[in-house]
Amino acid sequence: MSKEDRLFKDAIETASESRSTKVAEDLLEYFVQIGNKECFTACLYTCYDLTRADVVLEMAWRHGLTDFAMPYLIQVMREFNNKVC
């Protein structure tokens, strides 16, 4: 409903509160489809723990959003490095 009303902040918060990877990643895909790069980045920040890095990386690469996903990807790599080392 929030997407239809273009209440993107509410949609992002709802996705985060849902604790659902599918909901968060579907919302990311929606932002890609409508070309809203800023909301794509905001959703990555807010739903960080719900998104899968491989899905985000592929989505960003396919749609030219690598720069918008880079802060997320850097944090994922840092966490991975801390777990491995």
PDB file of N, CA and C in Angstrom:
ATOM      1  N   MET A   1       0.823  -1.185   0.000  1.00  0.00           N
ATOM      2  CA  MET A   1       0.000   0.000   0.000  1.00  0.00           C
ATOM      3  C   MET A   1       0.872   1.256   0.000  1.00  0.00           C
ATOM      4  N   SER A   2       1.942   1.230   0.782  1.00  0.00           N
ATOM      5  CA  SER A   2       2.838   2.389   0.846  1.00  0.00           C
ATOM      6  C   SER A   2       3.479   2.666  -0.501  1.00  0.00           C
ATOM      7  N   LYS A   3       3.782   1.598  -1.258  1.00  0.00           N
ATOM      8  CA  LYS A   3       4.380   1.793  -2.583  1.00  0.00           C
ATOM      9  C   LYS A   3       3.397   2.499  -3.500  1.00  0.00           C
ATOM     10  N   GLU A   4       2.141   2.084  -3.459  1.00  0.00           N
ATOM     11  CA  GLU A   4       1.128   2.689  -4.318  1.00  0.00           C
ATOM     12  C   GLU A   4       0.939   4.166  -4.008  1.00  0.00           C
ATOM     13  N   ASP A   5       1.049   4.529  -2.739  1.00  0.00           N
ATOM     14  CA  ASP A   5       0.891   5.919  -2.320  1.00  0.00           C
ATOM     15  C   ASP A   5       2.205   6.690  -2.396  1.00  0.00           C
ATOM     16  N   ARG A   6       3.263   6.016  -2.850  1.00  0.00           N
ATOM     17  CA  ARG A   6       4.606   6.602  -2.975  1.00  0.00           C
ATOM     18  C   ARG A   6       5.133   7.094  -1.623  1.00  0.00           C
ATOM     19  N   LEU A   7       4.769   6.369  -0.571  1.00  0.00           N
ATOM     20  CA  LEU A   7       5.283   6.643   0.771  1.00  0.00           C
ATOM     21  C   LEU A   7       6.459   5.695   1.001  1.00  0.00           C
ATOM     22  N   PHE A   8       7.554   6.012   0.333  1.00  0.00           N
ATOM     23  CA  PHE A   8       8.676   5.088   0.291  1.00  0.00           C
ATOM     24  C   PHE A   8       9.341   4.900   1.648  1.00  0.00           C
ATOM     25  N   LYS A   9       9.388   5.937   2.449  1.00  0.00           N
ATOM     26  CA  LYS A   9       9.969   5.794   3.790  1.00  0.00           C
ATOM     27  C   LYS A   9       9.170   4.768   4.586  1.00  0.00           C
ATOM     28  N   ASP A  10       7.854   4.860   4.526  1.00  0.00           N
ATOM     29  CA  ASP A  10       6.999   3.901   5.223  1.00  0.00           C
ATOM     30  C   ASP A  10       7.192   2.486   4.669  1.00  0.00           C
ATOM     31  N   ALA A  11       7.329   2.376   3.350  1.00  0.00           N
ATOM     32  CA  ALA A  11       7.525   1.065   2.732  1.00  0.00           C
ATOM     33  C   ALA A  11       8.830   0.433   3.208  1.00  0.00           C
ATOM     34  N   ILE A  12       9.887   1.237   3.300  1.00  0.00           N
ATOM     35  CA  ILE A  12      11.184   0.731   3.760  1.00  0.00           C
ATOM     36  C   ILE A  12      11.105   0.310   5.218  1.00  0.00           C
ATOM     37  N   GLU A  13      10.467   1.125   6.051  1.00  0.00           N
ATOM     38  CA  GLU A  13      10.328   0.778   7.471  1.00  0.00           C
ATOM     39  C   GLU A  13       9.491  -0.482   7.655  1.00  0.00           C
ATOM     40  N   THR A  14       8.447  -0.625   6.860  1.00  0.00           N
ATOM     41  CA  THR A  14       7.598  -1.812   6.927  1.00  0.00           C
ATOM     42  C   THR A  14       8.386  -3.056   6.529  1.00  0.00           C
ATOM     43  N   ALA A  15       9.193  -2.938   5.484  1.00  0.00           N
ATOM     44  CA  ALA A  15      10.027  -4.068   5.057  1.00  0.00           C
ATOM     45  C   ALA A  15      10.992  -4.470   6.165  1.00  0.00           C
ATOM     46  N   SER A  16      11.592  -3.479   6.806  1.00  0.00           N
ATOM     47  CA  SER A  16      12.530  -3.752   7.896  1.00  0.00           C
ATOM     48  C   SER A  16      11.832  -4.441   9.063  1.00  0.00           C
ATOM     49  N   GLU A  17      10.673  -3.952   9.416  1.00  0.00           N
ATOM     50  CA  GLU A  17       9.916  -4.520  10.536  1.00  0.00           C
ATOM     51  C   GLU A  17       9.362  -5.904  10.219  1.00  0.00           C
ATOM     52  N   SER A  18       9.209  -6.216   8.944  1.00  0.00           N
ATOM     53  CA  SER A  18       8.675  -7.520   8.556  1.00  0.00           C
ATOM     54  C   SER A  18       9.642  -8.653   8.883  1.00  0.00           C
ATOM     55  N   ARG A  19      10.938  -8.325   8.951  1.00  0.00           N
ATOM     56  CA  ARG A  19      11.997  -9.307   9.206  1.00  0.00           C
ATOM     57  C   ARG A  19      12.023 -10.383   8.112  1.00  0.00           C
ATOM     58  N   SER A  20      11.587 -10.014   6.920  1.00  0.00           N
ATOM     59  CA  SER A  20      11.502 -10.954   5.805  1.00  0.00           C
ATOM     60  C   SER A  20      12.488 -10.567   4.704  1.00  0.00           C
ATOM     61  N   THR A  21      13.363 -11.497   4.360  1.00  0.00           N
ATOM     62  CA  THR A  21      14.300 -11.269   3.261  1.00  0.00           C
ATOM     63  C   THR A  21      13.551 -11.044   1.960  1.00  0.00           C
ATOM     64  N   LYS A  22      12.514 -11.821   1.715  1.00  0.00           N
ATOM     65  CA  LYS A  22      11.749 -11.682   0.473  1.00  0.00           C
ATOM     66  C   LYS A  22      11.127 -10.297   0.352  1.00  0.00           C
ATOM     67  N   VAL A  23      10.530  -9.814   1.415  1.00  0.00           N
ATOM     68  CA  VAL A  23       9.894  -8.490   1.379  1.00  0.00           C
ATOM     69  C   VAL A  23      10.943  -7.408   1.099  1.00  0.00           C
ATOM     70  N   ALA A  24      12.076  -7.487   1.791  1.00  0.00           N
ATOM     71  CA  ALA A  24      13.130  -6.482   1.605  1.00  0.00           C
ATOM     72  C   ALA A  24      13.694  -6.518   0.188  1.00  0.00           C
ATOM     73  N   GLU A  25      13.971  -7.697  -0.320  1.00  0.00           N
ATOM     74  CA  GLU A  25      14.545  -7.806  -1.659  1.00  0.00           C
ATOM     75  C   GLU A  25      13.530  -7.466  -2.746  1.00  0.00           C
ATOM     76  N   ASP A  26      12.270  -7.768  -2.527  1.00  0.00           N
ATOM     77  CA  ASP A  26      11.226  -7.349  -3.470  1.00  0.00           C
ATOM     78  C   ASP A  26      11.126  -5.827  -3.521  1.00  0.00           C
ATOM     79  N   LEU A  27      11.256  -5.180  -2.367  1.00  0.00           N
ATOM     80  CA  LEU A  27      11.215  -3.721  -2.340  1.00  0.00           C
ATOM     81  C   LEU A  27      12.428  -3.136  -3.058  1.00  0.00           C
ATOM     82  N   LEU A  28      13.591  -3.731  -2.874  1.00  0.00           N
ATOM     83  CA  LEU A  28      14.775  -3.290  -3.621  1.00  0.00           C
ATOM     84  C   LEU A  28      14.530  -3.382  -5.123  1.00  0.00           C
ATOM     85  N   GLU A  29      13.974  -4.506  -5.550  1.00  0.00           N
ATOM     86  CA  GLU A  29      13.672  -4.689  -6.974  1.00  0.00           C
ATOM     87  C   GLU A  29      12.684  -3.636  -7.464  1.00  0.00           C
ATOM     88  N   TYR A  30      11.709  -3.307  -6.659  1.00  0.00           N
ATOM     89  CA  TYR A  30      10.742  -2.264  -7.014  1.00  0.00           C
ATOM     90  C   TYR A  30      11.450  -0.929  -7.234  1.00  0.00           C
ATOM     91  N   PHE A  31      12.363  -0.568  -6.328  1.00  0.00           N
ATOM     92  CA  PHE A  31      13.089   0.692  -6.479  1.00  0.00           C
ATOM     93  C   PHE A  31      13.957   0.688  -7.729  1.00  0.00           C
ATOM     94  N   VAL A  32      14.513  -0.465  -8.080  1.00  0.00           N
ATOM     95  CA  VAL A  32      15.274  -0.572  -9.322  1.00  0.00           C
ATOM     96  C   VAL A  32      14.349  -0.339 -10.513  1.00  0.00           C
ATOM     97  N   GLN A  33      13.187  -0.969 -10.498  1.00  0.00           N
ATOM     98  CA  GLN A  33      12.245  -0.860 -11.612  1.00  0.00           C
ATOM     99  C   GLN A  33      11.765   0.563 -11.836  1.00  0.00           C
ATOM    100  N   ILE A  34      11.545   1.322 -10.764  1.00  0.00           N
ATOM    101  CA  ILE A  34      11.055   2.694 -10.935  1.00  0.00           C
ATOM    102  C   ILE A  34      12.203   3.696 -11.055  1.00  0.00           C
ATOM    103  N   GLY A  35      13.432   3.217 -10.921  1.00  0.00           N
ATOM    104  CA  GLY A  35      14.597   4.078 -11.090  1.00  0.00           C
ATOM    105  C   GLY A  35      14.887   4.988  -9.917  1.00  0.00           C
ATOM    106  N   ASN A  36      14.456   4.613  -8.732  1.00  0.00           N
ATOM    107  CA  ASN A  36      14.689   5.443  -7.552  1.00  0.00           C
ATOM    108  C   ASN A  36      15.944   4.950  -6.827  1.00  0.00           C
ATOM    109  N   LYS A  37      17.075   5.518  -7.231  1.00  0.00           N
ATOM    110  CA  LYS A  37      18.375   5.084  -6.713  1.00  0.00           C
ATOM    111  C   LYS A  37      18.555   5.417  -5.238  1.00  0.00           C
ATOM    112  N   GLU A  38      18.043   6.565  -4.828  1.00  0.00           N
ATOM    113  CA  GLU A  38      18.190   6.984  -3.431  1.00  0.00           C
ATOM    114  C   GLU A  38      17.431   6.064  -2.492  1.00  0.00           C
ATOM    115  N   CYS A  39      16.229   5.658  -2.881  1.00  0.00           N
ATOM    116  CA  CYS A  39      15.459   4.737  -2.047  1.00  0.00           C
ATOM    117  C   CYS A  39      16.078   3.340  -2.062  1.00  0.00           C
ATOM    118  N   PHE A  40      16.693   2.959  -3.169  1.00  0.00           N
ATOM    119  CA  PHE A  40      17.422   1.698  -3.228  1.00  0.00           C
ATOM    120  C   PHE A  40      18.500   1.682  -2.150  1.00  0.00           C
ATOM    121  N   THR A  41      19.269   2.770  -2.077  1.00  0.00           N
ATOM    122  CA  THR A  41      20.331   2.872  -1.073  1.00  0.00           C
ATOM    123  C   THR A  41      19.762   2.926   0.339  1.00  0.00           C
ATOM    124  N   ALA A  42      18.705   3.693   0.541  1.00  0.00           N
ATOM    125  CA  ALA A  42      18.088   3.795   1.867  1.00  0.00           C
ATOM    126  C   ALA A  42      17.557   2.441   2.323  1.00  0.00           C
ATOM    127  N   CYS A  43      17.012   1.683   1.404  1.00  0.00           N
ATOM    128  CA  CYS A  43      16.497   0.358   1.735  1.00  0.00           C
ATOM    129  C   CYS A  43      17.641  -0.581   2.113  1.00  0.00           C
ATOM    130  N   LEU A  44      18.757  -0.489   1.414  1.00  0.00           N
ATOM    131  CA  LEU A  44      19.923  -1.304   1.772  1.00  0.00           C
ATOM    132  C   LEU A  44      20.390  -0.994   3.182  1.00  0.00           C
ATOM    133  N   TYR A  45      20.396   0.272   3.535  1.00  0.00           N
ATOM    134  CA  TYR A  45      20.833   0.694   4.870  1.00  0.00           C
ATOM    135  C   TYR A  45      19.861   0.192   5.941  1.00  0.00           C
ATOM    136  N   THR A  46      18.585   0.404   5.713  1.00  0.00           N
ATOM    137  CA  THR A  46      17.569   0.078   6.713  1.00  0.00           C
ATOM    138  C   THR A  46      17.339  -1.435   6.835  1.00  0.00           C
ATOM    139  N   CYS A  47      17.421  -2.131   5.733  1.00  0.00           N
ATOM    140  CA  CYS A  47      17.160  -3.576   5.723  1.00  0.00           C
ATOM    141  C   CYS A  47      18.456  -4.373   5.598  1.00  0.00           C
ATOM    142  N   TYR A  48      19.538  -3.810   6.061  1.00  0.00           N
ATOM    143  CA  TYR A  48      20.871  -4.406   5.910  1.00  0.00           C
ATOM    144  C   TYR A  48      20.902  -5.878   6.308  1.00  0.00           C
ATOM    145  N   ASP A  49      20.365  -6.196   7.450  1.00  0.00           N
ATOM    146  CA  ASP A  49      20.440  -7.562   7.964  1.00  0.00           C
ATOM    147  C   ASP A  49      19.468  -8.530   7.288  1.00  0.00           C
ATOM    148  N   LEU A  50      18.627  -8.031   6.414  1.00  0.00           N
ATOM    149  CA  LEU A  50      17.647  -8.883   5.730  1.00  0.00           C
ATOM    150  C   LEU A  50      18.048  -9.220   4.303  1.00  0.00           C
ATOM    151  N   THR A  51      18.981  -8.477   3.745  1.00  0.00           N
ATOM    152  CA  THR A  51      19.329  -8.661   2.340  1.00  0.00           C
ATOM    153  C   THR A  51      20.533  -9.583   2.196  1.00  0.00           C
ATOM    154  N   ARG A  52      20.560 -10.281   1.085  1.00  0.00           N
ATOM    155  CA  ARG A  52      21.676 -11.184   0.786  1.00  0.00           C
ATOM    156  C   ARG A  52      22.650 -10.459  -0.136  1.00  0.00           C
ATOM    157  N   ALA A  53      23.915 -10.490   0.215  1.00  0.00           N
ATOM    158  CA  ALA A  53      24.937  -9.730  -0.512  1.00  0.00           C
ATOM    159  C   ALA A  53      25.013 -10.124  -1.982  1.00  0.00           C
ATOM    160  N   ASP A  54      24.882 -11.405  -2.296  1.00  0.00           N
ATOM    161  CA  ASP A  54      24.967 -11.822  -3.692  1.00  0.00           C
ATOM    162  C   ASP A  54      23.806 -11.278  -4.515  1.00  0.00           C
ATOM    163  N   VAL A  55      22.634 -11.209  -3.915  1.00  0.00           N
ATOM    164  CA  VAL A  55      21.458 -10.668  -4.604  1.00  0.00           C
ATOM    165  C   VAL A  55      21.638  -9.169  -4.844  1.00  0.00           C
ATOM    166  N   VAL A  56      22.095  -8.463  -3.818  1.00  0.00           N
ATOM    167  CA  VAL A  56      22.320  -7.016  -3.935  1.00  0.00           C
ATOM    168  C   VAL A  56      23.380  -6.728  -4.984  1.00  0.00           C
ATOM    169  N   LEU A  57      24.478  -7.468  -4.957  1.00  0.00           N
ATOM    170  CA  LEU A  57      25.564  -7.242  -5.902  1.00  0.00           C
ATOM    171  C   LEU A  57      25.106  -7.463  -7.337  1.00  0.00           C
ATOM    172  N   GLU A  58      24.378  -8.553  -7.573  1.00  0.00           N
ATOM    173  CA  GLU A  58      23.895  -8.820  -8.928  1.00  0.00           C
ATOM    174  C   GLU A  58      22.903  -7.748  -9.387  1.00  0.00           C
ATOM    175  N   MET A  59      21.993  -7.373  -8.509  1.00  0.00           N
ATOM    176  CA  MET A  59      21.003  -6.352  -8.844  1.00  0.00           C
ATOM    177  C   MET A  59      21.700  -5.029  -9.193  1.00  0.00           C
ATOM    178  N   ALA A  60      22.661  -4.645  -8.367  1.00  0.00           N
ATOM    179  CA  ALA A  60      23.387  -3.395  -8.593  1.00  0.00           C
ATOM    180  C   ALA A  60      24.177  -3.445  -9.898  1.00  0.00           C
ATOM    181  N   TRP A  61      24.835  -4.557 -10.149  1.00  0.00           N
ATOM    182  CA  TRP A  61      25.647  -4.696 -11.357  1.00  0.00           C
ATOM    183  C   TRP A  61      24.778  -4.659 -12.619  1.00  0.00           C
ATOM    184  N   ARG A  62      23.682  -5.402 -12.604  1.00  0.00           N
ATOM    185  CA  ARG A  62      22.816  -5.471 -13.790  1.00  0.00           C
ATOM    186  C   ARG A  62      22.143  -4.143 -14.131  1.00  0.00           C
ATOM    187  N   HIS A  63      21.945  -3.306 -13.126  1.00  0.00           N
ATOM    188  CA  HIS A  63      21.184  -2.068 -13.347  1.00  0.00           C
ATOM    189  C   HIS A  63      22.022  -0.802 -13.174  1.00  0.00           C
ATOM    190  N   GLY A  64      23.334  -0.951 -13.154  1.00  0.00           N
ATOM    191  CA  GLY A  64      24.216   0.211 -13.066  1.00  0.00           C
ATOM    192  C   GLY A  64      24.121   0.959 -11.751  1.00  0.00           C
ATOM    193  N   LEU A  65      23.886   0.233 -10.671  1.00  0.00           N
ATOM    194  CA  LEU A  65      23.727   0.859  -9.359  1.00  0.00           C
ATOM    195  C   LEU A  65      24.870   0.523  -8.407  1.00  0.00           C
ATOM    196  N   THR A  66      25.989   0.128  -8.963  1.00  0.00           N
ATOM    197  CA  THR A  66      27.113  -0.289  -8.126  1.00  0.00           C
ATOM    198  C   THR A  66      27.537   0.811  -7.171  1.00  0.00           C
ATOM    199  N   ASP A  67      27.596   2.050  -7.641  1.00  0.00           N
ATOM    200  CA  ASP A  67      27.981   3.158  -6.760  1.00  0.00           C
ATOM    201  C   ASP A  67      26.996   3.327  -5.608  1.00  0.00           C
ATOM    202  N   PHE A  68      25.732   3.080  -5.861  1.00  0.00           N
ATOM    203  CA  PHE A  68      24.714   3.232  -4.824  1.00  0.00           C
ATOM    204  C   PHE A  68      24.737   2.078  -3.817  1.00  0.00           C
ATOM    205  N   ALA A  69      25.232   0.923  -4.249  1.00  0.00           N
ATOM    206  CA  ALA A  69      25.306  -0.241  -3.368  1.00  0.00           C
ATOM    207  C   ALA A  69      26.663  -0.359  -2.667  1.00  0.00           C
ATOM    208  N   MET A  70      27.638   0.432  -3.083  1.00  0.00           N
ATOM    209  CA  MET A  70      28.996   0.257  -2.579  1.00  0.00           C
ATOM    210  C   MET A  70      29.121   0.385  -1.056  1.00  0.00           C
ATOM    211  N   PRO A  71      28.496   1.351  -0.387  1.00  0.00           N
ATOM    212  CA  PRO A  71      28.610   1.382   1.088  1.00  0.00           C
ATOM    213  C   PRO A  71      28.124   0.087   1.736  1.00  0.00           C
ATOM    214  N   TYR A  72      27.035  -0.455   1.239  1.00  0.00           N
ATOM    215  CA  TYR A  72      26.513  -1.737   1.733  1.00  0.00           C
ATOM    216  C   TYR A  72      27.534  -2.843   1.505  1.00  0.00           C
ATOM    217  N   LEU A  73      28.077  -2.913   0.298  1.00  0.00           N
ATOM    218  CA  LEU A  73      29.012  -3.973  -0.047  1.00  0.00           C
ATOM    219  C   LEU A  73      30.306  -3.876   0.754  1.00  0.00           C
ATOM    220  N   ILE A  74      30.771  -2.677   1.012  1.00  0.00           N
ATOM    221  CA  ILE A  74      31.970  -2.489   1.832  1.00  0.00           C
ATOM    222  C   ILE A  74      31.722  -3.018   3.242  1.00  0.00           C
ATOM    223  N   GLN A  75      30.563  -2.715   3.803  1.00  0.00           N
ATOM    224  CA  GLN A  75      30.244  -3.188   5.151  1.00  0.00           C
ATOM    225  C   GLN A  75      30.132  -4.707   5.197  1.00  0.00           C
ATOM    226  N   VAL A  76      29.529  -5.293   4.174  1.00  0.00           N
ATOM    227  CA  VAL A  76      29.420  -6.750   4.106  1.00  0.00           C
ATOM    228  C   VAL A  76      30.817  -7.375   4.066  1.00  0.00           C
ATOM    229  N   MET A  77      31.699  -6.819   3.263  1.00  0.00           N
ATOM    230  CA  MET A  77      33.064  -7.345   3.167  1.00  0.00           C
ATOM    231  C   MET A  77      33.809  -7.201   4.500  1.00  0.00           C
ATOM    232  N   ARG A  78      33.593  -6.086   5.179  1.00  0.00           N
ATOM    233  CA  ARG A  78      34.234  -5.885   6.481  1.00  0.00           C
ATOM    234  C   ARG A  78      33.762  -6.948   7.487  1.00  0.00           C
ATOM    235  N   GLU A  79      32.464  -7.178   7.529  1.00  0.00           N
ATOM    236  CA  GLU A  79      31.932  -8.190   8.444  1.00  0.00           C
ATOM    237  C   GLU A  79      32.448  -9.577   8.092  1.00  0.00           C
ATOM    238  N   PHE A  80      32.508  -9.867   6.804  1.00  0.00           N
ATOM    239  CA  PHE A  80      33.036 -11.164   6.363  1.00  0.00           C
ATOM    240  C   PHE A  80      34.500 -11.309   6.783  1.00  0.00           C
ATOM    241  N   ASN A  81      35.269 -10.278   6.572  1.00  0.00           N
ATOM    242  CA  ASN A  81      36.686 -10.297   6.934  1.00  0.00           C
ATOM    243  C   ASN A  81      36.861 -10.487   8.442  1.00  0.00           C
ATOM    244  N   ASN A  82      36.046  -9.815   9.236  1.00  0.00           N
ATOM    245  CA  ASN A  82      36.140  -9.958  10.693  1.00  0.00           C
ATOM    246  C   ASN A  82      35.793 -11.362  11.150  1.00  0.00           C
ATOM    247  N   LYS A  83      34.888 -12.023  10.464  1.00  0.00           N
ATOM    248  CA  LYS A  83      34.516 -13.397  10.823  1.00  0.00           C
ATOM    249  C   LYS A  83      35.602 -14.386  10.435  1.00  0.00           C
ATOM    250  N   VAL A  84      36.269 -14.135   9.324  1.00  0.00           N
ATOM    251  CA  VAL A  84      37.275 -15.059   8.807  1.00  0.00           C
ATOM    252  C   VAL A  84      38.599 -14.899   9.535  1.00  0.00           C
ATOM    253  N   CYS A  85      38.968 -13.682   9.803  1.00  0.00           N
ATOM    254  CA  CYS A  85      40.299 -13.431  10.414  1.00  0.00           C
ATOM    255  C   CYS A  85      40.292 -13.522  11.897  1.00  0.00           C
TER     256      CYS A  85
END
